[in-house]
Structure formats: C-alpha cells, structure tokens
C-alpha cells in the first residue's frame, strides 16, 4: 500500500508542478506587476486597464460581468455592488480572470460623487 502511494505521488508530482507554473495571480494594486505586464504584453495591459476603468466608473456590478466578457474576454468576474469599502476614496473589491491570469484587488470608485442626503 505504501509503495503504491509513493508511486502515485512520484508520477503525479511533475504534473502538479506544471499546472502551478501555468497559473498566475496578480494584485491590481501592485504597480510593479502591472508594469511588467505592460512591458511583456501591451494588449493584455490595455484590457486590464479598460476593465479597471469600467469598474471604477460603474455603479452596477449586476450587468458588468456580461459586458466585460463580451468586450474584453474576462471570465469569472466577481464584483459586489452592495459592498463598498468606506475609505476615502471609496473602493470596491474586484476579481477576474484574463488570459490564464487571475487579477484581484481593490478599485477606487470614481463614477459617483458622495453627497449628503436627508434621512427618510
């Protein structure tokens, strides 16, 4: 039994390493990572910046996944329209996959200006 387990682990290990090498995660707030993408793949960088601008100016996250999939080919978009980080400026957490790279982080919201409203 032990020999079988060791043999299976020895056979499966190179495939696990290969799968891990092809999967990348990038923090949207890491400017060095975004600069590296811009240097190596300018087309992908333009897509990422376009997505970040759409999310920053968009109020609704309900229609955003379909729009970004059609316009940029983004998959697995996670954007919660009801959860806004109350920092100044306000931020929203975003996660999406583009060309085998998972991007995630906080995006500054610029689409709506804060205003004071009376309580009802």
PDB file of N, CA and C in Angstrom:
ATOM      1  N   UNK A   1       0.821  -1.188   0.000  1.00  0.00           N
ATOM      2  CA  UNK A   1       0.000   0.000   0.000  1.00  0.00           C
ATOM      3  C   UNK A   1       0.867   1.254   0.000  1.00  0.00           C
ATOM      4  N   UNK A   2       1.910   1.275   0.843  1.00  0.00           N
ATOM      5  CA  UNK A   2       2.800   2.427   0.905  1.00  0.00           C
ATOM      6  C   UNK A   2       3.522   2.645  -0.416  1.00  0.00           C
ATOM      7  N   UNK A   3       3.943   1.545  -1.042  1.00  0.00           N
ATOM      8  CA  UNK A   3       4.660   1.659  -2.320  1.00  0.00           C
ATOM      9  C   UNK A   3       3.754   2.251  -3.396  1.00  0.00           C
ATOM     10  N   UNK A   4       2.492   1.858  -3.394  1.00  0.00           N
ATOM     11  CA  UNK A   4       1.555   2.371  -4.389  1.00  0.00           C
ATOM     12  C   UNK A   4       1.350   3.868  -4.205  1.00  0.00           C
ATOM     13  N   UNK A   5       1.207   4.301  -2.966  1.00  0.00           N
ATOM     14  CA  UNK A   5       1.015   5.716  -2.677  1.00  0.00           C
ATOM     15  C   UNK A   5       2.244   6.522  -3.094  1.00  0.00           C
ATOM     16  N   UNK A   6       3.427   6.014  -2.785  1.00  0.00           N
ATOM     17  CA  UNK A   6       4.659   6.698  -3.162  1.00  0.00           C
ATOM     18  C   UNK A   6       4.780   6.758  -4.681  1.00  0.00           C
ATOM     19  N   UNK A   7       4.415   5.690  -5.372  1.00  0.00           N
ATOM     20  CA  UNK A   7       4.487   5.670  -6.827  1.00  0.00           C
ATOM     21  C   UNK A   7       3.504   6.662  -7.441  1.00  0.00           C
ATOM     22  N   UNK A   8       2.307   6.731  -6.896  1.00  0.00           N
ATOM     23  CA  UNK A   8       1.319   7.680  -7.413  1.00  0.00           C
ATOM     24  C   UNK A   8       1.765   9.122  -7.194  1.00  0.00           C
ATOM     25  N   UNK A   9       2.340   9.398  -6.039  1.00  0.00           N
ATOM     26  CA  UNK A   9       2.827  10.738  -5.773  1.00  0.00           C
ATOM     27  C   UNK A   9       3.995  11.093  -6.687  1.00  0.00           C
ATOM     28  N   UNK A  10       4.869  10.130  -6.942  1.00  0.00           N
ATOM     29  CA  UNK A  10       6.007  10.375  -7.817  1.00  0.00           C
ATOM     30  C   UNK A  10       5.556  10.614  -9.253  1.00  0.00           C
ATOM     31  N   UNK A  11       4.528   9.920  -9.696  1.00  0.00           N
ATOM     32  CA  UNK A  11       4.029  10.104 -11.061  1.00  0.00           C
ATOM     33  C   UNK A  11       3.260  11.403 -11.173  1.00  0.00           C
ATOM     34  N   UNK A  12       2.438  11.723 -10.203  1.00  0.00           N
ATOM     35  CA  UNK A  12       1.587  12.906 -10.271  1.00  0.00           C
ATOM     36  C   UNK A  12       2.289  14.207  -9.955  1.00  0.00           C
ATOM     37  N   UNK A  13       3.430  14.164  -9.286  1.00  0.00           N
ATOM     38  CA  UNK A  13       4.096  15.378  -8.847  1.00  0.00           C
ATOM     39  C   UNK A  13       4.511  16.302  -9.989  1.00  0.00           C
ATOM     40  N   UNK A  14       5.143  15.811 -11.070  1.00  0.00           N
ATOM     41  CA  UNK A  14       5.529  16.738 -12.143  1.00  0.00           C
ATOM     42  C   UNK A  14       4.329  17.451 -12.766  1.00  0.00           C
ATOM     43  N   UNK A  15       3.182  16.772 -12.847  1.00  0.00           N
ATOM     44  CA  UNK A  15       2.002  17.406 -13.426  1.00  0.00           C
ATOM     45  C   UNK A  15       1.476  18.503 -12.516  1.00  0.00           C
ATOM     46  N   UNK A  16       1.570  18.313 -11.219  1.00  0.00           N
ATOM     47  CA  UNK A  16       1.118  19.335 -10.278  1.00  0.00           C
ATOM     48  C   UNK A  16       2.012  20.572 -10.374  1.00  0.00           C
ATOM     49  N   UNK A  17       3.307  20.366 -10.530  1.00  0.00           N
ATOM     50  CA  UNK A  17       4.228  21.490 -10.660  1.00  0.00           C
ATOM     51  C   UNK A  17       3.959  22.235 -11.960  1.00  0.00           C
ATOM     52  N   UNK A  18       3.731  21.499 -13.039  1.00  0.00           N
ATOM     53  CA  UNK A  18       3.465  22.127 -14.324  1.00  0.00           C
ATOM     54  C   UNK A  18       2.179  22.946 -14.263  1.00  0.00           C
ATOM     55  N   UNK A  19       1.139  22.409 -13.627  1.00  0.00           N
ATOM     56  CA  UNK A  19      -0.131  23.139 -13.533  1.00  0.00           C
ATOM     57  C   UNK A  19       0.050  24.402 -12.700  1.00  0.00           C
ATOM     58  N   UNK A  20       0.854  24.334 -11.646  1.00  0.00           N
ATOM     59  CA  UNK A  20       1.072  25.502 -10.802  1.00  0.00           C
ATOM     60  C   UNK A  20       1.851  26.579 -11.541  1.00  0.00           C
ATOM     61  N   UNK A  21       2.766  26.186 -12.438  1.00  0.00           N
ATOM     62  CA  UNK A  21       3.557  27.155 -13.184  1.00  0.00           C
ATOM     63  C   UNK A  21       2.717  27.926 -14.198  1.00  0.00           C
ATOM     64  N   UNK A  22       1.639  27.334 -14.711  1.00  0.00           N
ATOM     65  CA  UNK A  22       0.844  27.992 -15.732  1.00  0.00           C
ATOM     66  C   UNK A  22      -0.236  28.896 -15.131  1.00  0.00           C
ATOM     67  N   UNK A  23      -0.391  28.906 -13.828  1.00  0.00           N
ATOM     68  CA  UNK A  23      -1.423  29.695 -13.166  1.00  0.00           C
ATOM     69  C   UNK A  23      -0.764  30.854 -12.435  1.00  0.00           C
ATOM     70  N   UNK A  24      -1.198  32.072 -12.732  1.00  0.00           N
ATOM     71  CA  UNK A  24      -0.612  33.256 -12.108  1.00  0.00           C
ATOM     72  C   UNK A  24      -1.703  34.095 -11.465  1.00  0.00           C
ATOM     73  N   UNK A  25      -1.333  34.784 -10.403  1.00  0.00           N
ATOM     74  CA  UNK A  25      -2.250  35.693  -9.709  1.00  0.00           C
ATOM     75  C   UNK A  25      -1.554  37.051  -9.608  1.00  0.00           C
ATOM     76  N   UNK A  26      -2.291  38.115  -9.956  1.00  0.00           N
ATOM     77  CA  UNK A  26      -1.747  39.470  -9.923  1.00  0.00           C
ATOM     78  C   UNK A  26      -2.645  40.334  -9.059  1.00  0.00           C
ATOM     79  N   UNK A  27      -2.028  41.079  -8.152  1.00  0.00           N
ATOM     80  CA  UNK A  27      -2.757  42.048  -7.330  1.00  0.00           C
ATOM     81  C   UNK A  27      -2.906  43.329  -8.142  1.00  0.00           C
ATOM     82  N   UNK A  28      -4.126  43.806  -8.277  1.00  0.00           N
ATOM     83  CA  UNK A  28      -4.405  45.003  -9.069  1.00  0.00           C
ATOM     84  C   UNK A  28      -3.665  46.214  -8.508  1.00  0.00           C
ATOM     85  N   UNK A  29      -3.447  46.252  -7.217  1.00  0.00           N
ATOM     86  CA  UNK A  29      -2.772  47.386  -6.592  1.00  0.00           C
ATOM     87  C   UNK A  29      -1.264  47.361  -6.707  1.00  0.00           C
ATOM     88  N   UNK A  30      -0.688  46.278  -7.229  1.00  0.00           N
ATOM     89  CA  UNK A  30       0.764  46.156  -7.357  1.00  0.00           C
ATOM     90  C   UNK A  30       1.208  46.775  -8.681  1.00  0.00           C
ATOM     91  N   UNK A  31       1.692  47.998  -8.628  1.00  0.00           N
ATOM     92  CA  UNK A  31       2.054  48.721  -9.851  1.00  0.00           C
ATOM     93  C   UNK A  31       3.217  48.049 -10.577  1.00  0.00           C
ATOM     94  N   UNK A  32       4.145  47.431  -9.832  1.00  0.00           N
ATOM     95  CA  UNK A  32       5.267  46.745 -10.490  1.00  0.00           C
ATOM     96  C   UNK A  32       4.785  45.578 -11.331  1.00  0.00           C
ATOM     97  N   UNK A  33       3.796  44.841 -10.827  1.00  0.00           N
ATOM     98  CA  UNK A  33       3.255  43.715 -11.599  1.00  0.00           C
ATOM     99  C   UNK A  33       2.542  44.213 -12.853  1.00  0.00           C
ATOM    100  N   UNK A  34       1.795  45.303 -12.724  1.00  0.00           N
ATOM    101  CA  UNK A  34       1.116  45.869 -13.894  1.00  0.00           C
ATOM    102  C   UNK A  34       2.123  46.414 -14.900  1.00  0.00           C
ATOM    103  N   UNK A  35       3.215  47.010 -14.426  1.00  0.00           N
ATOM    104  CA  UNK A  35       4.263  47.497 -15.330  1.00  0.00           C
ATOM    105  C   UNK A  35       4.928  46.343 -16.073  1.00  0.00           C
ATOM    106  N   UNK A  36       5.108  45.212 -15.378  1.00  0.00           N
ATOM    107  CA  UNK A  36       5.700  44.039 -16.028  1.00  0.00           C
ATOM    108  C   UNK A  36       4.783  43.500 -17.118  1.00  0.00           C
ATOM    109  N   UNK A  37       3.481  43.505 -16.857  1.00  0.00           N
ATOM    110  CA  UNK A  37       2.528  43.068 -17.880  1.00  0.00           C
ATOM    111  C   UNK A  37       2.544  44.032 -19.053  1.00  0.00           C
ATOM    112  N   UNK A  38       2.637  45.321 -18.778  1.00  0.00           N
ATOM    113  CA  UNK A  38       2.679  46.312 -19.848  1.00  0.00           C
ATOM    114  C   UNK A  38       3.914  46.104 -20.730  1.00  0.00           C
ATOM    115  N   UNK A  39       5.040  45.751 -20.121  1.00  0.00           N
ATOM    116  CA  UNK A  39       6.271  45.548 -20.887  1.00  0.00           C
ATOM    117  C   UNK A  39       6.231  44.263 -21.713  1.00  0.00           C
ATOM    118  N   UNK A  40       5.634  43.206 -21.161  1.00  0.00           N
ATOM    119  CA  UNK A  40       5.655  41.919 -21.852  1.00  0.00           C
ATOM    120  C   UNK A  40       4.462  41.685 -22.755  1.00  0.00           C
ATOM    121  N   UNK A  41       3.298  42.250 -22.400  1.00  0.00           N
ATOM    122  CA  UNK A  41       2.083  42.012 -23.173  1.00  0.00           C
ATOM    123  C   UNK A  41       1.211  43.279 -23.166  1.00  0.00           C
ATOM    124  N   UNK A  42       1.531  44.247 -24.028  1.00  0.00           N
ATOM    125  CA  UNK A  42       0.791  45.520 -24.019  1.00  0.00           C
ATOM    126  C   UNK A  42      -0.702  45.363 -24.297  1.00  0.00           C
ATOM    127  N   UNK A  43      -1.080  44.401 -25.130  1.00  0.00           N
ATOM    128  CA  UNK A  43      -2.502  44.200 -25.437  1.00  0.00           C
ATOM    129  C   UNK A  43      -3.270  43.770 -24.190  1.00  0.00           C
ATOM    130  N   UNK A  44      -2.686  42.863 -23.415  1.00  0.00           N
ATOM    131  CA  UNK A  44      -3.338  42.422 -22.187  1.00  0.00           C
ATOM    132  C   UNK A  44      -3.390  43.556 -21.170  1.00  0.00           C
ATOM    133  N   UNK A  45      -2.347  44.365 -21.110  1.00  0.00           N
ATOM    134  CA  UNK A  45      -2.329  45.509 -20.196  1.00  0.00           C
ATOM    135  C   UNK A  45      -3.458  46.477 -20.533  1.00  0.00           C
ATOM    136  N   UNK A  46      -3.677  46.737 -21.807  1.00  0.00           N
ATOM    137  CA  UNK A  46      -4.761  47.629 -22.222  1.00  0.00           C
ATOM    138  C   UNK A  46      -6.117  47.064 -21.809  1.00  0.00           C
ATOM    139  N   UNK A  47      -6.289  45.750 -21.900  1.00  0.00           N
ATOM    140  CA  UNK A  47      -7.540  45.119 -21.464  1.00  0.00           C
ATOM    141  C   UNK A  47      -7.738  45.304 -19.966  1.00  0.00           C
ATOM    142  N   UNK A  48      -6.692  45.074 -19.190  1.00  0.00           N
ATOM    143  CA  UNK A  48      -6.784  45.194 -17.728  1.00  0.00           C
ATOM    144  C   UNK A  48      -7.134  46.626 -17.339  1.00  0.00           C
ATOM    145  N   UNK A  49      -6.474  47.595 -17.934  1.00  0.00           N
ATOM    146  CA  UNK A  49      -6.759  49.000 -17.626  1.00  0.00           C
ATOM    147  C   UNK A  49      -8.177  49.359 -18.048  1.00  0.00           C
ATOM    148  N   UNK A  50      -8.623  48.847 -19.178  1.00  0.00           N
ATOM    149  CA  UNK A  50     -10.001  49.087 -19.616  1.00  0.00           C
ATOM    150  C   UNK A  50     -11.012  48.531 -18.634  1.00  0.00           C
ATOM    151  N   UNK A  51     -10.754  47.327 -18.134  1.00  0.00           N
ATOM    152  CA  UNK A  51     -11.650  46.713 -17.146  1.00  0.00           C
ATOM    153  C   UNK A  51     -11.665  47.534 -15.862  1.00  0.00           C
ATOM    154  N   UNK A  52     -10.495  47.954 -15.397  1.00  0.00           N
ATOM    155  CA  UNK A  52     -10.424  48.733 -14.160  1.00  0.00           C
ATOM    156  C   UNK A  52     -11.153  50.060 -14.302  1.00  0.00           C
ATOM    157  N   UNK A  53     -11.054  50.683 -15.467  1.00  0.00           N
ATOM    158  CA  UNK A  53     -11.765  51.944 -15.685  1.00  0.00           C
ATOM    159  C   UNK A  53     -13.273  51.735 -15.721  1.00  0.00           C
ATOM    160  N   UNK A  54     -13.740  50.631 -16.329  1.00  0.00           N
ATOM    161  CA  UNK A  54     -15.180  50.344 -16.373  1.00  0.00           C
ATOM    162  C   UNK A  54     -15.710  50.121 -14.966  1.00  0.00           C
ATOM    163  N   UNK A  55     -14.971  49.384 -14.155  1.00  0.00           N
ATOM    164  CA  UNK A  55     -15.428  49.085 -12.795  1.00  0.00           C
ATOM    165  C   UNK A  55     -15.386  50.342 -11.940  1.00  0.00           C
ATOM    166  N   UNK A  56     -14.363  51.182 -12.129  1.00  0.00           N
ATOM    167  CA  UNK A  56     -14.231  52.389 -11.319  1.00  0.00           C
ATOM    168  C   UNK A  56     -15.359  53.372 -11.598  1.00  0.00           C
ATOM    169  N   UNK A  57     -15.824  53.445 -12.829  1.00  0.00           N
ATOM    170  CA  UNK A  57     -16.862  54.403 -13.164  1.00  0.00           C
ATOM    171  C   UNK A  57     -18.250  53.792 -13.127  1.00  0.00           C
ATOM    172  N   UNK A  58     -18.332  52.486 -12.990  1.00  0.00           N
ATOM    173  CA  UNK A  58     -19.626  51.805 -12.998  1.00  0.00           C
ATOM    174  C   UNK A  58     -20.202  51.741 -11.594  1.00  0.00           C
ATOM    175  N   UNK A  59     -21.481  51.904 -11.505  1.00  0.00           N
ATOM    176  CA  UNK A  59     -22.164  51.786 -10.226  1.00  0.00           C
ATOM    177  C   UNK A  59     -22.706  50.381 -10.056  1.00  0.00           C
ATOM    178  N   UNK A  60     -23.147  49.761 -11.132  1.00  0.00           N
ATOM    179  CA  UNK A  60     -23.810  48.464 -11.074  1.00  0.00           C
ATOM    180  C   UNK A  60     -22.855  47.325 -11.406  1.00  0.00           C
ATOM    181  N   UNK A  61     -22.784  46.355 -10.518  1.00  0.00           N
ATOM    182  CA  UNK A  61     -21.988  45.161 -10.785  1.00  0.00           C
ATOM    183  C   UNK A  61     -22.849  44.034 -11.361  1.00  0.00           C
ATOM    184  N   UNK A  62     -24.145  44.262 -11.480  1.00  0.00           N
ATOM    185  CA  UNK A  62     -25.033  43.205 -11.965  1.00  0.00           C
ATOM    186  C   UNK A  62     -24.856  42.957 -13.459  1.00  0.00           C
ATOM    187  N   UNK A  63     -24.689  44.003 -14.251  1.00  0.00           N
ATOM    188  CA  UNK A  63     -24.531  43.844 -15.701  1.00  0.00           C
ATOM    189  C   UNK A  63     -23.073  43.833 -16.126  1.00  0.00           C
ATOM    190  N   UNK A  64     -22.178  44.153 -15.222  1.00  0.00           N
ATOM    191  CA  UNK A  64     -20.764  44.254 -15.551  1.00  0.00           C
ATOM    192  C   UNK A  64     -20.138  42.942 -16.031  1.00  0.00           C
ATOM    193  N   UNK A  65     -20.422  41.786 -15.428  1.00  0.00           N
ATOM    194  CA  UNK A  65     -19.771  40.553 -15.893  1.00  0.00           C
ATOM    195  C   UNK A  65     -20.037  40.238 -17.369  1.00  0.00           C
ATOM    196  N   UNK A  66     -21.274  40.388 -17.812  1.00  0.00           N
ATOM    197  CA  UNK A  66     -21.582  40.093 -19.209  1.00  0.00           C
ATOM    198  C   UNK A  66     -20.897  41.103 -20.135  1.00  0.00           C
ATOM    199  N   UNK A  67     -20.904  42.363 -19.758  1.00  0.00           N
ATOM    200  CA  UNK A  67     -20.304  43.399 -20.586  1.00  0.00           C
ATOM    201  C   UNK A  67     -18.795  43.188 -20.734  1.00  0.00           C
ATOM    202  N   UNK A  68     -18.111  42.880 -19.635  1.00  0.00           N
ATOM    203  CA  UNK A  68     -16.669  42.696 -19.684  1.00  0.00           C
ATOM    204  C   UNK A  68     -16.277  41.401 -20.393  1.00  0.00           C
ATOM    205  N   UNK A  69     -17.132  40.392 -20.318  1.00  0.00           N
ATOM    206  CA  UNK A  69     -16.847  39.157 -21.036  1.00  0.00           C
ATOM    207  C   UNK A  69     -16.900  39.394 -22.537  1.00  0.00           C
ATOM    208  N   UNK A  70     -17.885  40.155 -22.987  1.00  0.00           N
ATOM    209  CA  UNK A  70     -18.022  40.433 -24.416  1.00  0.00           C
ATOM    210  C   UNK A  70     -16.925  41.381 -24.889  1.00  0.00           C
ATOM    211  N   UNK A  71     -16.661  42.449 -24.155  1.00  0.00           N
ATOM    212  CA  UNK A  71     -15.705  43.467 -24.602  1.00  0.00           C
ATOM    213  C   UNK A  71     -14.247  43.041 -24.460  1.00  0.00           C
ATOM    214  N   UNK A  72     -13.915  42.329 -23.369  1.00  0.00           N
ATOM    215  CA  UNK A  72     -12.516  42.038 -23.079  1.00  0.00           C
ATOM    216  C   UNK A  72     -12.187  40.554 -22.954  1.00  0.00           C
ATOM    217  N   UNK A  73     -13.186  39.692 -22.926  1.00  0.00           N
ATOM    218  CA  UNK A  73     -12.943  38.267 -22.752  1.00  0.00           C
ATOM    219  C   UNK A  73     -12.645  37.886 -21.314  1.00  0.00           C
ATOM    220  N   UNK A  74     -13.034  38.718 -20.372  1.00  0.00           N
ATOM    221  CA  UNK A  74     -12.792  38.437 -18.949  1.00  0.00           C
ATOM    222  C   UNK A  74     -13.767  37.375 -18.468  1.00  0.00           C
ATOM    223  N   UNK A  75     -13.269  36.473 -17.633  1.00  0.00           N
ATOM    224  CA  UNK A  75     -14.095  35.395 -17.086  1.00  0.00           C
ATOM    225  C   UNK A  75     -14.063  35.442 -15.566  1.00  0.00           C
ATOM    226  N   UNK A  76     -15.076  34.841 -14.967  1.00  0.00           N
ATOM    227  CA  UNK A  76     -15.105  34.702 -13.510  1.00  0.00           C
ATOM    228  C   UNK A  76     -15.083  36.018 -12.767  1.00  0.00           C
ATOM    229  N   UNK A  77     -15.716  37.035 -13.304  1.00  0.00           N
ATOM    230  CA  UNK A  77     -15.719  38.340 -12.665  1.00  0.00           C
ATOM    231  C   UNK A  77     -16.529  38.290 -11.379  1.00  0.00           C
ATOM    232  N   UNK A  78     -15.929  38.749 -10.303  1.00  0.00           N
ATOM    233  CA  UNK A  78     -16.617  38.855  -9.019  1.00  0.00           C
ATOM    234  C   UNK A  78     -16.540  40.302  -8.566  1.00  0.00           C
ATOM    235  N   UNK A  79     -17.698  40.917  -8.504  1.00  0.00           N
ATOM    236  CA  UNK A  79     -17.801  42.318  -8.128  1.00  0.00           C
ATOM    237  C   UNK A  79     -19.091  42.469  -7.334  1.00  0.00           C
ATOM    238  N   UNK A  80     -18.984  42.852  -6.095  1.00  0.00           N
ATOM    239  CA  UNK A  80     -20.165  43.002  -5.263  1.00  0.00           C
ATOM    240  C   UNK A  80     -20.589  44.463  -5.260  1.00  0.00           C
ATOM    241  N   UNK A  81     -21.724  44.736  -5.887  1.00  0.00           N
ATOM    242  CA  UNK A  81     -22.211  46.104  -5.968  1.00  0.00           C
ATOM    243  C   UNK A  81     -22.700  46.655  -4.650  1.00  0.00           C
ATOM    244  N   UNK A  82     -23.004  45.788  -3.702  1.00  0.00           N
ATOM    245  CA  UNK A  82     -23.545  46.231  -2.422  1.00  0.00           C
ATOM    246  C   UNK A  82     -22.478  46.394  -1.350  1.00  0.00           C
ATOM    247  N   UNK A  83     -21.261  45.979  -1.668  1.00  0.00           N
ATOM    248  CA  UNK A  83     -20.179  46.071  -0.694  1.00  0.00           C
ATOM    249  C   UNK A  83     -19.178  47.115  -1.172  1.00  0.00           C
ATOM    250  N   UNK A  84     -19.231  48.282  -0.587  1.00  0.00           N
ATOM    251  CA  UNK A  84     -18.315  49.362  -0.928  1.00  0.00           C
ATOM    252  C   UNK A  84     -17.466  49.642   0.299  1.00  0.00           C
ATOM    253  N   UNK A  85     -16.159  49.646   0.109  1.00  0.00           N
ATOM    254  CA  UNK A  85     -15.258  49.945   1.220  1.00  0.00           C
ATOM    255  C   UNK A  85     -15.345  51.435   1.513  1.00  0.00           C
ATOM    256  N   UNK A  86     -15.568  51.783   2.756  1.00  0.00           N
ATOM    257  CA  UNK A  86     -15.851  53.168   3.123  1.00  0.00           C
ATOM    258  C   UNK A  86     -14.593  53.961   3.438  1.00  0.00           C
ATOM    259  N   UNK A  87     -13.544  53.710   2.716  1.00  0.00           N
ATOM    260  CA  UNK A  87     -12.347  54.526   2.839  1.00  0.00           C
ATOM    261  C   UNK A  87     -12.545  55.782   1.993  1.00  0.00           C
ATOM    262  N   UNK A  88     -11.583  56.691   2.048  1.00  0.00           N
ATOM    263  CA  UNK A  88     -11.667  57.841   1.159  1.00  0.00           C
ATOM    264  C   UNK A  88     -10.466  57.815   0.252  1.00  0.00           C
ATOM    265  N   UNK A  89     -10.613  57.655  -1.010  1.00  0.00           N
ATOM    266  CA  UNK A  89     -11.858  57.490  -1.767  1.00  0.00           C
ATOM    267  C   UNK A  89     -12.435  56.086  -1.591  1.00  0.00           C
ATOM    268  N   UNK A  90     -13.714  55.967  -1.872  1.00  0.00           N
ATOM    269  CA  UNK A  90     -14.401  54.678  -1.730  1.00  0.00           C
ATOM    270  C   UNK A  90     -13.819  53.673  -2.717  1.00  0.00           C
ATOM    271  N   UNK A  91     -13.830  52.393  -2.307  1.00  0.00           N
ATOM    272  CA  UNK A  91     -13.266  51.326  -3.139  1.00  0.00           C
ATOM    273  C   UNK A  91     -14.228  50.155  -3.205  1.00  0.00           C
ATOM    274  N   UNK A  92     -14.021  49.311  -4.201  1.00  0.00           N
ATOM    275  CA  UNK A  92     -14.785  48.088  -4.388  1.00  0.00           C
ATOM    276  C   UNK A  92     -13.797  46.967  -4.692  1.00  0.00           C
ATOM    277  N   UNK A  93     -14.040  45.781  -4.128  1.00  0.00           N
ATOM    278  CA  UNK A  93     -13.168  44.642  -4.414  1.00  0.00           C
ATOM    279  C   UNK A  93     -13.585  44.005  -5.730  1.00  0.00           C
ATOM    280  N   UNK A  94     -12.592  43.637  -6.529  1.00  0.00           N
ATOM    281  CA  UNK A  94     -12.827  43.084  -7.857  1.00  0.00           C
ATOM    282  C   UNK A  94     -11.910  41.892  -8.068  1.00  0.00           C
ATOM    283  N   UNK A  95     -12.436  40.874  -8.741  1.00  0.00           N
ATOM    284  CA  UNK A  95     -11.647  39.704  -9.104  1.00  0.00           C
ATOM    285  C   UNK A  95     -12.114  39.234 -10.477  1.00  0.00           C
ATOM    286  N   UNK A  96     -11.161  38.938 -11.361  1.00  0.00           N
ATOM    287  CA  UNK A  96     -11.498  38.423 -12.685  1.00  0.00           C
ATOM    288  C   UNK A  96     -10.307  37.662 -13.260  1.00  0.00           C
ATOM    289  N   UNK A  97     -10.586  36.837 -14.261  1.00  0.00           N
ATOM    290  CA  UNK A  97      -9.558  36.058 -14.926  1.00  0.00           C
ATOM    291  C   UNK A  97      -9.467  36.520 -16.373  1.00  0.00           C
ATOM    292  N   UNK A  98      -8.237  36.763 -16.822  1.00  0.00           N
ATOM    293  CA  UNK A  98      -7.994  37.217 -18.178  1.00  0.00           C
ATOM    294  C   UNK A  98      -6.741  36.531 -18.701  1.00  0.00           C
ATOM    295  N   UNK A  99      -6.905  35.727 -19.739  1.00  0.00           N
ATOM    296  CA  UNK A  99      -5.769  35.036 -20.372  1.00  0.00           C
ATOM    297  C   UNK A  99      -4.943  34.227 -19.365  1.00  0.00           C
ATOM    298  N   UNK A 100      -5.571  33.360 -18.616  1.00  0.00           N
ATOM    299  CA  UNK A 100      -4.913  32.480 -17.643  1.00  0.00           C
ATOM    300  C   UNK A 100      -4.221  33.216 -16.499  1.00  0.00           C
ATOM    301  N   UNK A 101      -4.585  34.450 -16.254  1.00  0.00           N
ATOM    302  CA  UNK A 101      -4.062  35.200 -15.115  1.00  0.00           C
ATOM    303  C   UNK A 101      -5.242  35.678 -14.287  1.00  0.00           C
ATOM    304  N   UNK A 102      -5.188  35.439 -12.991  1.00  0.00           N
ATOM    305  CA  UNK A 102      -6.237  35.872 -12.067  1.00  0.00           C
ATOM    306  C   UNK A 102      -5.827  37.227 -11.494  1.00  0.00           C
ATOM    307  N   UNK A 103      -6.658  38.226 -11.701  1.00  0.00           N
ATOM    308  CA  UNK A 103      -6.432  39.565 -11.168  1.00  0.00           C
ATOM    309  C   UNK A 103      -7.412  39.791 -10.022  1.00  0.00           C
ATOM    310  N   UNK A 104      -6.934  40.363  -8.931  1.00  0.00           N
ATOM    311  CA  UNK A 104      -7.848  40.720  -7.852  1.00  0.00           C
ATOM    312  C   UNK A 104      -7.256  41.846  -7.010  1.00  0.00           C
ATOM    313  N   UNK A 105      -8.153  42.607  -6.398  1.00  0.00           N
ATOM    314  CA  UNK A 105      -7.737  43.716  -5.565  1.00  0.00           C
ATOM    315  C   UNK A 105      -8.847  44.742  -5.447  1.00  0.00           C
ATOM    316  N   UNK A 106      -8.519  45.886  -4.873  1.00  0.00           N
ATOM    317  CA  UNK A 106      -9.493  46.961  -4.674  1.00  0.00           C
ATOM    318  C   UNK A 106      -9.348  48.010  -5.759  1.00  0.00           C
ATOM    319  N   UNK A 107     -10.488  48.501  -6.239  1.00  0.00           N
ATOM    320  CA  UNK A 107     -10.532  49.511  -7.287  1.00  0.00           C
ATOM    321  C   UNK A 107     -11.186  50.763  -6.715  1.00  0.00           C
ATOM    322  N   UNK A 108     -10.590  51.918  -6.939  1.00  0.00           N
ATOM    323  CA  UNK A 108     -11.150  53.188  -6.477  1.00  0.00           C
ATOM    324  C   UNK A 108     -12.359  53.535  -7.336  1.00  0.00           C
ATOM    325  N   UNK A 109     -13.467  53.885  -6.682  1.00  0.00           N
ATOM    326  CA  UNK A 109     -14.687  54.260  -7.394  1.00  0.00           C
ATOM    327  C   UNK A 109     -14.655  55.748  -7.717  1.00  0.00           C
ATOM    328  N   UNK A 110     -14.803  56.061  -8.986  1.00  0.00           N
ATOM    329  CA  UNK A 110     -14.794  57.459  -9.407  1.00  0.00           C
ATOM    330  C   UNK A 110     -16.098  57.868 -10.064  1.00  0.00           C
ATOM    331  N   UNK A 111     -17.018  56.934 -10.259  1.00  0.00           N
ATOM    332  CA  UNK A 111     -18.237  57.205 -11.020  1.00  0.00           C
ATOM    333  C   UNK A 111     -19.278  58.022 -10.290  1.00  0.00           C
ATOM    334  N   UNK A 112     -19.379  57.869  -9.001  1.00  0.00           N
ATOM    335  CA  UNK A 112     -20.410  58.602  -8.266  1.00  0.00           C
ATOM    336  C   UNK A 112     -19.747  59.481  -7.219  1.00  0.00           C
ATOM    337  N   UNK A 113     -20.162  60.701  -7.170  1.00  0.00           N
ATOM    338  CA  UNK A 113     -19.652  61.646  -6.181  1.00  0.00           C
ATOM    339  C   UNK A 113     -20.426  61.482  -4.885  1.00  0.00           C
ATOM    340  N   UNK A 114     -19.788  61.535  -3.746  1.00  0.00           N
ATOM    341  CA  UNK A 114     -20.510  61.453  -2.484  1.00  0.00           C
ATOM    342  C   UNK A 114     -21.397  62.672  -2.276  1.00  0.00           C
ATOM    343  N   UNK A 115     -22.523  62.459  -1.660  1.00  0.00           N
ATOM    344  CA  UNK A 115     -23.418  63.579  -1.382  1.00  0.00           C
ATOM    345  C   UNK A 115     -24.120  63.355  -0.051  1.00  0.00           C
ATOM    346  N   UNK A 116     -24.541  64.434   0.549  1.00  0.00           N
ATOM    347  CA  UNK A 116     -25.288  64.358   1.810  1.00  0.00           C
ATOM    348  C   UNK A 116     -26.767  64.401   1.479  1.00  0.00           C
ATOM    349  N   UNK A 117     -27.488  63.457   2.031  1.00  0.00           N
ATOM    350  CA  UNK A 117     -28.923  63.379   1.790  1.00  0.00           C
ATOM    351  C   UNK A 117     -29.654  63.310   3.123  1.00  0.00           C
ATOM    352  N   UNK A 118     -30.846  63.895   3.186  1.00  0.00           N
ATOM    353  CA  UNK A 118     -31.588  63.827   4.437  1.00  0.00           C
ATOM    354  C   UNK A 118     -32.103  62.398   4.676  1.00  0.00           C
ATOM    355  N   UNK A 119     -32.169  62.010   5.932  1.00  0.00           N
ATOM    356  CA  UNK A 119     -32.701  60.702   6.295  1.00  0.00           C
ATOM    357  C   UNK A 119     -34.206  60.703   6.088  1.00  0.00           C
ATOM    358  N   UNK A 120     -34.738  59.583   5.691  1.00  0.00           N
ATOM    359  CA  UNK A 120     -36.191  59.480   5.482  1.00  0.00           C
ATOM    360  C   UNK A 120     -36.783  58.471   6.404  1.00  0.00           C
TER     361      UNK A 120
END
